[in-house]
């Protein structure tokens, strides 16, 4: 398994703690990120809305894999 870091960002700046998960590949990391975004949106946990928020996914060495915007239709 590969270790991925998931970080909530707003306007490109990290906010909140980093969550670490083991995923077998990048596709599963994407699905995990998508599920995290769905859960945060369902909980209405973002007081200023989702427009400026992204979920940054990186490898264990913190090299960037992708930023997934919260306002994407997933």
C-alpha atoms as a PDB file:
ATOM      1  CA  UNK A   1       0.000   0.000   0.000  1.00  0.00           C
ATOM      2  CA  UNK A   2       1.045   3.576  -0.616  1.00  0.00           C
ATOM      3  CA  UNK A   3       0.655   6.264   2.014  1.00  0.00           C
ATOM      4  CA  UNK A   4      -1.123   9.445   0.939  1.00  0.00           C
ATOM      5  CA  UNK A   5      -1.668  12.697   2.837  1.00  0.00           C
ATOM      6  CA  UNK A   6      -4.982  14.569   2.596  1.00  0.00           C
ATOM      7  CA  UNK A   7      -5.039  18.242   3.579  1.00  0.00           C
ATOM      8  CA  UNK A   8      -7.927  20.683   3.564  1.00  0.00           C
ATOM      9  CA  UNK A   9      -6.870  23.934   1.883  1.00  0.00           C
ATOM     10  CA  UNK A  10      -8.478  27.301   1.336  1.00  0.00           C
ATOM     11  CA  UNK A  11      -7.082  29.666  -1.278  1.00  0.00           C
ATOM     12  CA  UNK A  12      -4.028  27.425  -1.558  1.00  0.00           C
ATOM     13  CA  UNK A  13      -3.209  27.511   2.165  1.00  0.00           C
ATOM     14  CA  UNK A  14      -3.517  24.443   4.351  1.00  0.00           C
ATOM     15  CA  UNK A  15      -6.109  24.693   7.109  1.00  0.00           C
ATOM     16  CA  UNK A  16      -6.645  22.003   9.679  1.00  0.00           C
ATOM     17  CA  UNK A  17      -4.785  18.774  10.329  1.00  0.00           C
ATOM     18  CA  UNK A  18      -3.356  16.370   7.776  1.00  0.00           C
ATOM     19  CA  UNK A  19      -5.075  13.024   7.437  1.00  0.00           C
ATOM     20  CA  UNK A  20      -2.951  10.073   6.349  1.00  0.00           C
ATOM     21  CA  UNK A  21      -4.348   6.995   4.642  1.00  0.00           C
ATOM     22  CA  UNK A  22      -3.009   3.868   2.981  1.00  0.00           C
ATOM     23  CA  UNK A  23      -4.389   3.419  -0.535  1.00  0.00           C
ATOM     24  CA  UNK A  24      -3.327   0.791  -3.073  1.00  0.00           C
ATOM     25  CA  UNK A  25      -3.033   3.329  -5.916  1.00  0.00           C
ATOM     26  CA  UNK A  26      -3.776   6.881  -7.098  1.00  0.00           C
ATOM     27  CA  UNK A  27      -7.288   5.923  -8.180  1.00  0.00           C
ATOM     28  CA  UNK A  28      -8.184   4.853  -4.658  1.00  0.00           C
ATOM     29  CA  UNK A  29      -6.625   8.056  -3.306  1.00  0.00           C
ATOM     30  CA  UNK A  30      -8.909  10.009  -5.649  1.00  0.00           C
ATOM     31  CA  UNK A  31     -11.956   8.060  -4.455  1.00  0.00           C
ATOM     32  CA  UNK A  32     -10.964   8.613  -0.808  1.00  0.00           C
ATOM     33  CA  UNK A  33     -10.610  12.365  -1.476  1.00  0.00           C
ATOM     34  CA  UNK A  34     -13.983  12.439  -3.231  1.00  0.00           C
ATOM     35  CA  UNK A  35     -15.624  10.709  -0.255  1.00  0.00           C
ATOM     36  CA  UNK A  36     -13.991  13.129   2.199  1.00  0.00           C
ATOM     37  CA  UNK A  37     -15.329  16.079   0.213  1.00  0.00           C
ATOM     38  CA  UNK A  38     -18.803  14.576   0.081  1.00  0.00           C
ATOM     39  CA  UNK A  39     -18.785  14.030   3.851  1.00  0.00           C
ATOM     40  CA  UNK A  40     -17.639  17.580   4.578  1.00  0.00           C
ATOM     41  CA  UNK A  41     -20.256  19.017   2.235  1.00  0.00           C
ATOM     42  CA  UNK A  42     -22.992  16.812   3.728  1.00  0.00           C
ATOM     43  CA  UNK A  43     -22.014  17.898   7.249  1.00  0.00           C
ATOM     44  CA  UNK A  44     -21.967  21.518   6.071  1.00  0.00           C
ATOM     45  CA  UNK A  45     -18.609  21.758   7.851  1.00  0.00           C
ATOM     46  CA  UNK A  46     -17.289  24.637   5.741  1.00  0.00           C
ATOM     47  CA  UNK A  47     -18.673  27.884   7.181  1.00  0.00           C
ATOM     48  CA  UNK A  48     -17.695  30.036   4.192  1.00  0.00           C
ATOM     49  CA  UNK A  49     -18.930  27.603   1.586  1.00  0.00           C
ATOM     50  CA  UNK A  50     -16.893  25.378  -0.666  1.00  0.00           C
ATOM     51  CA  UNK A  51     -15.870  27.743  -3.439  1.00  0.00           C
ATOM     52  CA  UNK A  52     -12.311  28.466  -2.251  1.00  0.00           C
ATOM     53  CA  UNK A  53     -11.661  25.054  -0.679  1.00  0.00           C
ATOM     54  CA  UNK A  54      -9.662  22.184  -2.112  1.00  0.00           C
ATOM     55  CA  UNK A  55      -8.513  18.854  -0.801  1.00  0.00           C
ATOM     56  CA  UNK A  56      -4.792  18.499  -1.481  1.00  0.00           C
ATOM     57  CA  UNK A  57      -3.579  14.942  -1.943  1.00  0.00           C
ATOM     58  CA  UNK A  58       0.127  14.225  -1.782  1.00  0.00           C
ATOM     59  CA  UNK A  59       2.494  11.310  -1.455  1.00  0.00           C
ATOM     60  CA  UNK A  60       4.207  10.444   1.824  1.00  0.00           C
ATOM     61  CA  UNK A  61       7.142  12.721   0.853  1.00  0.00           C
ATOM     62  CA  UNK A  62       4.602  15.575   0.413  1.00  0.00           C
ATOM     63  CA  UNK A  63       5.080  15.770  -3.356  1.00  0.00           C
ATOM     64  CA  UNK A  64       1.754  16.901  -4.776  1.00  0.00           C
ATOM     65  CA  UNK A  65      -0.482  14.381  -6.508  1.00  0.00           C
ATOM     66  CA  UNK A  66      -3.524  16.663  -7.066  1.00  0.00           C
ATOM     67  CA  UNK A  67      -5.789  19.337  -5.609  1.00  0.00           C
ATOM     68  CA  UNK A  68      -9.467  18.460  -5.821  1.00  0.00           C
ATOM     69  CA  UNK A  69     -11.826  21.481  -5.627  1.00  0.00           C
ATOM     70  CA  UNK A  70     -14.864  21.207  -3.369  1.00  0.00           C
ATOM     71  CA  UNK A  71     -17.198  22.728  -5.933  1.00  0.00           C
ATOM     72  CA  UNK A  72     -16.547  19.985  -8.475  1.00  0.00           C
ATOM     73  CA  UNK A  73     -19.594  17.890  -9.345  1.00  0.00           C
ATOM     74  CA  UNK A  74     -18.656  14.449  -8.046  1.00  0.00           C
END
